[in-house]
Amino acid sequence: MTTDEIYANLTDIFREVFDDQQIVLHPDTTAADIADWDSFNHINIIVGAETRFGIKFQTSEVESLKNVGDMVTTIERKLSTGRMVNA
């Protein structure tokens, strides 16, 4: 899966979680950039990404995410190393 495909899938997840079709993600997008991005919605994003990409984030990975670019990098790493979960 390409980086652009990961961004497209994450954009779909964010738009669904926040019910906002206008969201456009960038590597430097943070919670401060999106209204209602609180801890509850952060969990929804993580679960949505795990489901969509067939991966599992470790707690330490979630805690280290500073922006969407970090999330994309982590997803790319997991997909390239085959650290996925069975659906």
PDB file of N, CA and C in Angstrom:
ATOM      1  N   MET A   1       0.855  -1.173   0.000  1.00  0.00           N
ATOM      2  CA  MET A   1       0.000   0.000   0.000  1.00  0.00           C
ATOM      3  C   MET A   1       0.901   1.237   0.000  1.00  0.00           C
ATOM      4  N   THR A   2       0.566   2.191  -0.843  1.00  0.00           N
ATOM      5  CA  THR A   2       1.374   3.398  -0.950  1.00  0.00           C
ATOM      6  C   THR A   2       1.034   4.381   0.171  1.00  0.00           C
ATOM      7  N   THR A   3       1.918   5.342   0.344  1.00  0.00           N
ATOM      8  CA  THR A   3       1.675   6.394   1.339  1.00  0.00           C
ATOM      9  C   THR A   3       0.393   7.148   1.005  1.00  0.00           C
ATOM     10  N   ASP A   4       0.173   7.439  -0.274  1.00  0.00           N
ATOM     11  CA  ASP A   4      -1.052   8.139  -0.675  1.00  0.00           C
ATOM     12  C   ASP A   4      -2.295   7.330  -0.346  1.00  0.00           C
ATOM     13  N   GLU A   5      -2.222   6.022  -0.525  1.00  0.00           N
ATOM     14  CA  GLU A   5      -3.370   5.162  -0.190  1.00  0.00           C
ATOM     15  C   GLU A   5      -3.619   5.151   1.317  1.00  0.00           C
ATOM     16  N   ILE A   6      -2.554   5.171   2.096  1.00  0.00           N
ATOM     17  CA  ILE A   6      -2.721   5.225   3.554  1.00  0.00           C
ATOM     18  C   ILE A   6      -3.392   6.536   3.945  1.00  0.00           C
ATOM     19  N   TYR A   7      -2.923   7.651   3.380  1.00  0.00           N
ATOM     20  CA  TYR A   7      -3.560   8.943   3.667  1.00  0.00           C
ATOM     21  C   TYR A   7      -5.028   8.949   3.251  1.00  0.00           C
ATOM     22  N   ALA A   8      -5.338   8.375   2.099  1.00  0.00           N
ATOM     23  CA  ALA A   8      -6.732   8.327   1.636  1.00  0.00           C
ATOM     24  C   ALA A   8      -7.596   7.534   2.603  1.00  0.00           C
ATOM     25  N   ASN A   9      -7.086   6.390   3.059  1.00  0.00           N
ATOM     26  CA  ASN A   9      -7.842   5.570   4.013  1.00  0.00           C
ATOM     27  C   ASN A   9      -7.994   6.280   5.352  1.00  0.00           C
ATOM     28  N   LEU A  10      -6.919   6.911   5.830  1.00  0.00           N
ATOM     29  CA  LEU A  10      -7.019   7.658   7.088  1.00  0.00           C
ATOM     30  C   LEU A  10      -7.985   8.829   6.959  1.00  0.00           C
ATOM     31  N   THR A  11      -7.972   9.487   5.817  1.00  0.00           N
ATOM     32  CA  THR A  11      -8.908  10.588   5.601  1.00  0.00           C
ATOM     33  C   THR A  11     -10.341  10.093   5.717  1.00  0.00           C
ATOM     34  N   ASP A  12     -10.631   8.937   5.136  1.00  0.00           N
ATOM     35  CA  ASP A  12     -11.974   8.351   5.258  1.00  0.00           C
ATOM     36  C   ASP A  12     -12.322   8.095   6.721  1.00  0.00           C
ATOM     37  N   ILE A  13     -11.373   7.562   7.473  1.00  0.00           N
ATOM     38  CA  ILE A  13     -11.608   7.278   8.900  1.00  0.00           C
ATOM     39  C   ILE A  13     -11.880   8.574   9.655  1.00  0.00           C
ATOM     40  N   PHE A  14     -11.043   9.587   9.453  1.00  0.00           N
ATOM     41  CA  PHE A  14     -11.231  10.859  10.144  1.00  0.00           C
ATOM     42  C   PHE A  14     -12.568  11.491   9.780  1.00  0.00           C
ATOM     43  N   ARG A  15     -12.920  11.464   8.503  1.00  0.00           N
ATOM     44  CA  ARG A  15     -14.194  12.053   8.077  1.00  0.00           C
ATOM     45  C   ARG A  15     -15.375  11.336   8.717  1.00  0.00           C
ATOM     46  N   GLU A  16     -15.255  10.024   8.873  1.00  0.00           N
ATOM     47  CA  GLU A  16     -16.323   9.264   9.519  1.00  0.00           C
ATOM     48  C   GLU A  16     -16.387   9.562  11.013  1.00  0.00           C
ATOM     49  N   VAL A  17     -15.243   9.530  11.680  1.00  0.00           N
ATOM     50  CA  VAL A  17     -15.210   9.763  13.129  1.00  0.00           C
ATOM     51  C   VAL A  17     -15.734  11.151  13.471  1.00  0.00           C
ATOM     52  N   PHE A  18     -15.333  12.162  12.707  1.00  0.00           N
ATOM     53  CA  PHE A  18     -15.707  13.533  13.017  1.00  0.00           C
ATOM     54  C   PHE A  18     -16.921  14.021  12.234  1.00  0.00           C
ATOM     55  N   ASP A  19     -17.489  13.154  11.389  1.00  0.00           N
ATOM     56  CA  ASP A  19     -18.658  13.500  10.581  1.00  0.00           C
ATOM     57  C   ASP A  19     -18.430  14.829   9.858  1.00  0.00           C
ATOM     58  N   ASP A  20     -17.271  14.907   9.184  1.00  0.00           N
ATOM     59  CA  ASP A  20     -16.877  16.131   8.484  1.00  0.00           C
ATOM     60  C   ASP A  20     -16.167  15.748   7.192  1.00  0.00           C
ATOM     61  N   GLN A  21     -16.866  15.893   6.081  1.00  0.00           N
ATOM     62  CA  GLN A  21     -16.325  15.519   4.780  1.00  0.00           C
ATOM     63  C   GLN A  21     -15.287  16.507   4.259  1.00  0.00           C
ATOM     64  N   GLN A  22     -15.077  17.594   4.961  1.00  0.00           N
ATOM     65  CA  GLN A  22     -14.120  18.611   4.526  1.00  0.00           C
ATOM     66  C   GLN A  22     -12.708  18.386   5.069  1.00  0.00           C
ATOM     67  N   ILE A  23     -12.541  17.401   5.945  1.00  0.00           N
ATOM     68  CA  ILE A  23     -11.221  17.158   6.542  1.00  0.00           C
ATOM     69  C   ILE A  23     -10.232  16.739   5.468  1.00  0.00           C
ATOM     70  N   VAL A  24      -9.077  17.397   5.472  1.00  0.00           N
ATOM     71  CA  VAL A  24      -7.955  17.050   4.609  1.00  0.00           C
ATOM     72  C   VAL A  24      -6.751  16.867   5.525  1.00  0.00           C
ATOM     73  N   LEU A  25      -6.163  15.691   5.482  1.00  0.00           N
ATOM     74  CA  LEU A  25      -5.034  15.393   6.359  1.00  0.00           C
ATOM     75  C   LEU A  25      -3.705  15.738   5.702  1.00  0.00           C
ATOM     76  N   HIS A  26      -2.783  16.200   6.528  1.00  0.00           N
ATOM     77  CA  HIS A  26      -1.417  16.494   6.137  1.00  0.00           C
ATOM     78  C   HIS A  26      -0.502  15.851   7.167  1.00  0.00           C
ATOM     79  N   PRO A  27       0.765  15.642   6.852  1.00  0.00           N
ATOM     80  CA  PRO A  27       1.668  15.027   7.824  1.00  0.00           C
ATOM     81  C   PRO A  27       1.715  15.755   9.165  1.00  0.00           C
ATOM     82  N   ASP A  28       1.569  17.069   9.153  1.00  0.00           N
ATOM     83  CA  ASP A  28       1.671  17.830  10.389  1.00  0.00           C
ATOM     84  C   ASP A  28       0.326  18.086  11.070  1.00  0.00           C
ATOM     85  N   THR A  29      -0.755  17.454  10.602  1.00  0.00           N
ATOM     86  CA  THR A  29      -2.066  17.607  11.230  1.00  0.00           C
ATOM     87  C   THR A  29      -2.025  17.025  12.640  1.00  0.00           C
ATOM     88  N   THR A  30      -2.520  17.797  13.616  1.00  0.00           N
ATOM     89  CA  THR A  30      -2.580  17.357  15.010  1.00  0.00           C
ATOM     90  C   THR A  30      -3.996  17.542  15.541  1.00  0.00           C
ATOM     91  N   ALA A  31      -4.196  17.102  16.773  1.00  0.00           N
ATOM     92  CA  ALA A  31      -5.501  17.256  17.418  1.00  0.00           C
ATOM     93  C   ALA A  31      -5.920  18.720  17.501  1.00  0.00           C
ATOM     94  N   ALA A  32      -4.967  19.612  17.602  1.00  0.00           N
ATOM     95  CA  ALA A  32      -5.282  21.043  17.680  1.00  0.00           C
ATOM     96  C   ALA A  32      -5.895  21.575  16.384  1.00  0.00           C
ATOM     97  N   ASP A  33      -5.718  20.841  15.300  1.00  0.00           N
ATOM     98  CA  ASP A  33      -6.213  21.290  13.995  1.00  0.00           C
ATOM     99  C   ASP A  33      -7.645  20.851  13.686  1.00  0.00           C
ATOM    100  N   ILE A  34      -8.174  19.907  14.467  1.00  0.00           N
ATOM    101  CA  ILE A  34      -9.499  19.348  14.170  1.00  0.00           C
ATOM    102  C   ILE A  34     -10.386  19.478  15.396  1.00  0.00           C
ATOM    103  N   ALA A  35     -11.490  20.198  15.212  1.00  0.00           N
ATOM    104  CA  ALA A  35     -12.441  20.370  16.307  1.00  0.00           C
ATOM    105  C   ALA A  35     -12.935  19.004  16.788  1.00  0.00           C
ATOM    106  N   ASP A  36     -13.079  18.858  18.070  1.00  0.00           N
ATOM    107  CA  ASP A  36     -13.600  17.641  18.710  1.00  0.00           C
ATOM    108  C   ASP A  36     -12.622  16.464  18.706  1.00  0.00           C
ATOM    109  N   TRP A  37     -11.366  16.697  18.354  1.00  0.00           N
ATOM    110  CA  TRP A  37     -10.377  15.612  18.440  1.00  0.00           C
ATOM    111  C   TRP A  37      -9.919  15.533  19.894  1.00  0.00           C
ATOM    112  N   ASP A  38     -10.647  14.750  20.651  1.00  0.00           N
ATOM    113  CA  ASP A  38     -10.339  14.548  22.060  1.00  0.00           C
ATOM    114  C   ASP A  38      -9.869  13.112  22.258  1.00  0.00           C
ATOM    115  N   SER A  39      -9.672  12.715  23.507  1.00  0.00           N
ATOM    116  CA  SER A  39      -9.148  11.367  23.775  1.00  0.00           C
ATOM    117  C   SER A  39     -10.109  10.283  23.301  1.00  0.00           C
ATOM    118  N   PHE A  40     -11.395  10.513  23.426  1.00  0.00           N
ATOM    119  CA  PHE A  40     -12.381   9.528  22.979  1.00  0.00           C
ATOM    120  C   PHE A  40     -12.297   9.341  21.462  1.00  0.00           C
ATOM    121  N   ASN A  41     -12.261  10.433  20.730  1.00  0.00           N
ATOM    122  CA  ASN A  41     -12.178  10.329  19.274  1.00  0.00           C
ATOM    123  C   ASN A  41     -10.817   9.824  18.823  1.00  0.00           C
ATOM    124  N   HIS A  42      -9.780  10.080  19.618  1.00  0.00           N
ATOM    125  CA  HIS A  42      -8.463   9.537  19.299  1.00  0.00           C
ATOM    126  C   HIS A  42      -8.524   8.006  19.320  1.00  0.00           C
ATOM    127  N   ILE A  43      -9.200   7.465  20.305  1.00  0.00           N
ATOM    128  CA  ILE A  43      -9.373   6.006  20.383  1.00  0.00           C
ATOM    129  C   ILE A  43     -10.146   5.507  19.171  1.00  0.00           C
ATOM    130  N   ASN A  44     -11.186   6.232  18.780  1.00  0.00           N
ATOM    131  CA  ASN A  44     -11.965   5.837  17.600  1.00  0.00           C
ATOM    132  C   ASN A  44     -11.106   5.832  16.338  1.00  0.00           C
ATOM    133  N   ILE A  45     -10.202   6.799  16.220  1.00  0.00           N
ATOM    134  CA  ILE A  45      -9.299   6.852  15.072  1.00  0.00           C
ATOM    135  C   ILE A  45      -8.363   5.643  15.089  1.00  0.00           C
ATOM    136  N   ILE A  46      -7.790   5.363  16.235  1.00  0.00           N
ATOM    137  CA  ILE A  46      -6.851   4.241  16.360  1.00  0.00           C
ATOM    138  C   ILE A  46      -7.544   2.927  16.026  1.00  0.00           C
ATOM    139  N   VAL A  47      -8.724   2.702  16.597  1.00  0.00           N
ATOM    140  CA  VAL A  47      -9.476   1.469  16.327  1.00  0.00           C
ATOM    141  C   VAL A  47      -9.857   1.396  14.853  1.00  0.00           C
ATOM    142  N   GLY A  48     -10.272   2.513  14.290  1.00  0.00           N
ATOM    143  CA  GLY A  48     -10.612   2.538  12.866  1.00  0.00           C
ATOM    144  C   GLY A  48      -9.421   2.190  11.992  1.00  0.00           C
ATOM    145  N   ALA A  49      -8.247   2.725  12.339  1.00  0.00           N
ATOM    146  CA  ALA A  49      -7.036   2.428  11.570  1.00  0.00           C
ATOM    147  C   ALA A  49      -6.642   0.962  11.732  1.00  0.00           C
ATOM    148  N   GLU A  50      -6.733   0.445  12.947  1.00  0.00           N
ATOM    149  CA  GLU A  50      -6.398  -0.965  13.169  1.00  0.00           C
ATOM    150  C   GLU A  50      -7.300  -1.867  12.335  1.00  0.00           C
ATOM    151  N   THR A  51      -8.564  -1.559  12.307  1.00  0.00           N
ATOM    152  CA  THR A  51      -9.526  -2.351  11.543  1.00  0.00           C
ATOM    153  C   THR A  51      -9.281  -2.224  10.048  1.00  0.00           C
ATOM    154  N   ARG A  52      -9.125  -1.004   9.578  1.00  0.00           N
ATOM    155  CA  ARG A  52      -8.962  -0.746   8.147  1.00  0.00           C
ATOM    156  C   ARG A  52      -7.686  -1.372   7.586  1.00  0.00           C
ATOM    157  N   PHE A  53      -6.585  -1.268   8.343  1.00  0.00           N
ATOM    158  CA  PHE A  53      -5.297  -1.726   7.843  1.00  0.00           C
ATOM    159  C   PHE A  53      -4.915  -3.122   8.326  1.00  0.00           C
ATOM    160  N   GLY A  54      -5.723  -3.696   9.222  1.00  0.00           N
ATOM    161  CA  GLY A  54      -5.430  -5.032   9.730  1.00  0.00           C
ATOM    162  C   GLY A  54      -4.166  -5.071  10.575  1.00  0.00           C
ATOM    163  N   ILE A  55      -3.973  -4.019  11.372  1.00  0.00           N
ATOM    164  CA  ILE A  55      -2.780  -3.921  12.217  1.00  0.00           C
ATOM    165  C   ILE A  55      -3.202  -3.748  13.667  1.00  0.00           C
ATOM    166  N   LYS A  56      -2.238  -3.765  14.548  1.00  0.00           N
ATOM    167  CA  LYS A  56      -2.488  -3.521  15.965  1.00  0.00           C
ATOM    168  C   LYS A  56      -1.417  -2.572  16.474  1.00  0.00           C
ATOM    169  N   PHE A  57      -1.836  -1.433  17.032  1.00  0.00           N
ATOM    170  CA  PHE A  57      -0.910  -0.486  17.637  1.00  0.00           C
ATOM    171  C   PHE A  57      -0.606  -0.917  19.062  1.00  0.00           C
ATOM    172  N   GLN A  58       0.637  -0.799  19.446  1.00  0.00           N
ATOM    173  CA  GLN A  58       1.017  -0.998  20.841  1.00  0.00           C
ATOM    174  C   GLN A  58       0.749   0.315  21.585  1.00  0.00           C
ATOM    175  N   THR A  59       0.496   0.219  22.885  1.00  0.00           N
ATOM    176  CA  THR A  59       0.225   1.418  23.678  1.00  0.00           C
ATOM    177  C   THR A  59       1.349   2.435  23.538  1.00  0.00           C
ATOM    178  N   SER A  60       2.588   1.980  23.579  1.00  0.00           N
ATOM    179  CA  SER A  60       3.724   2.896  23.461  1.00  0.00           C
ATOM    180  C   SER A  60       3.736   3.611  22.107  1.00  0.00           C
ATOM    181  N   GLU A  61       3.275   2.931  21.062  1.00  0.00           N
ATOM    182  CA  GLU A  61       3.209   3.559  19.744  1.00  0.00           C
ATOM    183  C   GLU A  61       2.151   4.660  19.722  1.00  0.00           C
ATOM    184  N   VAL A  62       1.001   4.368  20.300  1.00  0.00           N
ATOM    185  CA  VAL A  62      -0.078   5.360  20.342  1.00  0.00           C
ATOM    186  C   VAL A  62       0.375   6.587  21.121  1.00  0.00           C
ATOM    187  N   GLU A  63       1.041   6.352  22.237  1.00  0.00           N
ATOM    188  CA  GLU A  63       1.502   7.459  23.070  1.00  0.00           C
ATOM    189  C   GLU A  63       2.562   8.302  22.381  1.00  0.00           C
ATOM    190  N   SER A  64       3.303   7.721  21.437  1.00  0.00           N
ATOM    191  CA  SER A  64       4.375   8.464  20.772  1.00  0.00           C
ATOM    192  C   SER A  64       3.909   9.228  19.538  1.00  0.00           C
ATOM    193  N   LEU A  65       2.671   9.037  19.102  1.00  0.00           N
ATOM    194  CA  LEU A  65       2.165   9.721  17.914  1.00  0.00           C
ATOM    195  C   LEU A  65       1.986  11.208  18.206  1.00  0.00           C
ATOM    196  N   LYS A  66       2.681  12.037  17.445  1.00  0.00           N
ATOM    197  CA  LYS A  66       2.585  13.491  17.626  1.00  0.00           C
ATOM    198  C   LYS A  66       1.717  14.147  16.564  1.00  0.00           C
ATOM    199  N   ASN A  67       1.547  13.472  15.425  1.00  0.00           N
ATOM    200  CA  ASN A  67       0.766  14.043  14.330  1.00  0.00           C
ATOM    201  C   ASN A  67       0.370  12.919  13.365  1.00  0.00           C
ATOM    202  N   VAL A  68      -0.365  13.268  12.344  1.00  0.00           N
ATOM    203  CA  VAL A  68      -0.827  12.277  11.368  1.00  0.00           C
ATOM    204  C   VAL A  68       0.356  11.650  10.629  1.00  0.00           C
ATOM    205  N   GLY A  69       1.392  12.427  10.366  1.00  0.00           N
ATOM    206  CA  GLY A  69       2.573  11.884   9.701  1.00  0.00           C
ATOM    207  C   GLY A  69       3.197  10.741  10.497  1.00  0.00           C
ATOM    208  N   ASP A  70       3.242  10.885  11.826  1.00  0.00           N
ATOM    209  CA  ASP A  70       3.754   9.803  12.677  1.00  0.00           C
ATOM    210  C   ASP A  70       2.878   8.556  12.548  1.00  0.00           C
ATOM    211  N   MET A  71       1.576   8.762  12.477  1.00  0.00           N
ATOM    212  CA  MET A  71       0.653   7.637  12.345  1.00  0.00           C
ATOM    213  C   MET A  71       0.875   6.921  11.016  1.00  0.00           C
ATOM    214  N   VAL A  72       1.025   7.693   9.951  1.00  0.00           N
ATOM    215  CA  VAL A  72       1.261   7.109   8.628  1.00  0.00           C
ATOM    216  C   VAL A  72       2.562   6.313   8.619  1.00  0.00           C
ATOM    217  N   THR A  73       3.605   6.873   9.194  1.00  0.00           N
ATOM    218  CA  THR A  73       4.899   6.188   9.256  1.00  0.00           C
ATOM    219  C   THR A  73       4.782   4.871  10.016  1.00  0.00           C
ATOM    220  N   THR A  74       4.052   4.884  11.118  1.00  0.00           N
ATOM    221  CA  THR A  74       3.864   3.667  11.913  1.00  0.00           C
ATOM    222  C   THR A  74       3.070   2.629  11.130  1.00  0.00           C
ATOM    223  N   ILE A  75       2.029   3.067  10.446  1.00  0.00           N
ATOM    224  CA  ILE A  75       1.227   2.145   9.634  1.00  0.00           C
ATOM    225  C   ILE A  75       2.083   1.555   8.515  1.00  0.00           C
ATOM    226  N   GLU A  76       2.859   2.393   7.842  1.00  0.00           N
ATOM    227  CA  GLU A  76       3.742   1.903   6.770  1.00  0.00           C
ATOM    228  C   GLU A  76       4.702   0.846   7.298  1.00  0.00           C
ATOM    229  N   ARG A  77       5.290   1.110   8.454  1.00  0.00           N
ATOM    230  CA  ARG A  77       6.239   0.164   9.047  1.00  0.00           C
ATOM    231  C   ARG A  77       5.556  -1.166   9.352  1.00  0.00           C
ATOM    232  N   LYS A  78       4.375  -1.092   9.929  1.00  0.00           N
ATOM    233  CA  LYS A  78       3.659  -2.320  10.288  1.00  0.00           C
ATOM    234  C   LYS A  78       3.254  -3.106   9.031  1.00  0.00           C
ATOM    235  N   LEU A  79       2.818  -2.411   8.013  1.00  0.00           N
ATOM    236  CA  LEU A  79       2.419  -3.096   6.783  1.00  0.00           C
ATOM    237  C   LEU A  79       3.625  -3.710   6.074  1.00  0.00           C
ATOM    238  N   SER A  80       4.762  -3.030   6.131  1.00  0.00           N
ATOM    239  CA  SER A  80       5.944  -3.533   5.423  1.00  0.00           C
ATOM    240  C   SER A  80       6.619  -4.688   6.163  1.00  0.00           C
ATOM    241  N   THR A  81       6.435  -4.740   7.478  1.00  0.00           N
ATOM    242  CA  THR A  81       7.054  -5.825   8.252  1.00  0.00           C
ATOM    243  C   THR A  81       6.093  -6.975   8.492  1.00  0.00           C
ATOM    244  N   GLY A  82       4.864  -6.824   8.023  1.00  0.00           N
ATOM    245  CA  GLY A  82       3.894  -7.891   8.192  1.00  0.00           C
ATOM    246  C   GLY A  82       3.376  -8.027   9.607  1.00  0.00           C
ATOM    247  N   ARG A  83       3.512  -6.941  10.419  1.00  0.00           N
ATOM    248  CA  ARG A  83       3.029  -6.978  11.799  1.00  0.00           C
ATOM    249  C   ARG A  83       1.544  -6.655  11.825  1.00  0.00           C
ATOM    250  N   MET A  84       0.769  -7.540  11.218  1.00  0.00           N
ATOM    251  CA  MET A  84      -0.650  -7.348  11.103  1.00  0.00           C
ATOM    252  C   MET A  84      -1.362  -8.375  11.965  1.00  0.00           C
ATOM    253  N   VAL A  85      -2.632  -8.185  12.153  1.00  0.00           N
ATOM    254  CA  VAL A  85      -3.436  -9.118  12.931  1.00  0.00           C
ATOM    255  C   VAL A  85      -4.398  -9.825  11.992  1.00  0.00           C
ATOM    256  N   ASN A  86      -4.826 -10.969  12.392  1.00  0.00           N
ATOM    257  CA  ASN A  86      -5.833 -11.692  11.601  1.00  0.00           C
ATOM    258  C   ASN A  86      -7.185 -11.064  11.816  1.00  0.00           C
ATOM    259  N   ALA A  87      -7.901 -10.855  10.733  1.00  0.00           N
ATOM    260  CA  ALA A  87      -9.232 -10.253  10.821  1.00  0.00           C
ATOM    261  C   ALA A  87     -10.238 -11.293  11.242  1.00  0.00           C
TER     262      ALA A  87
END
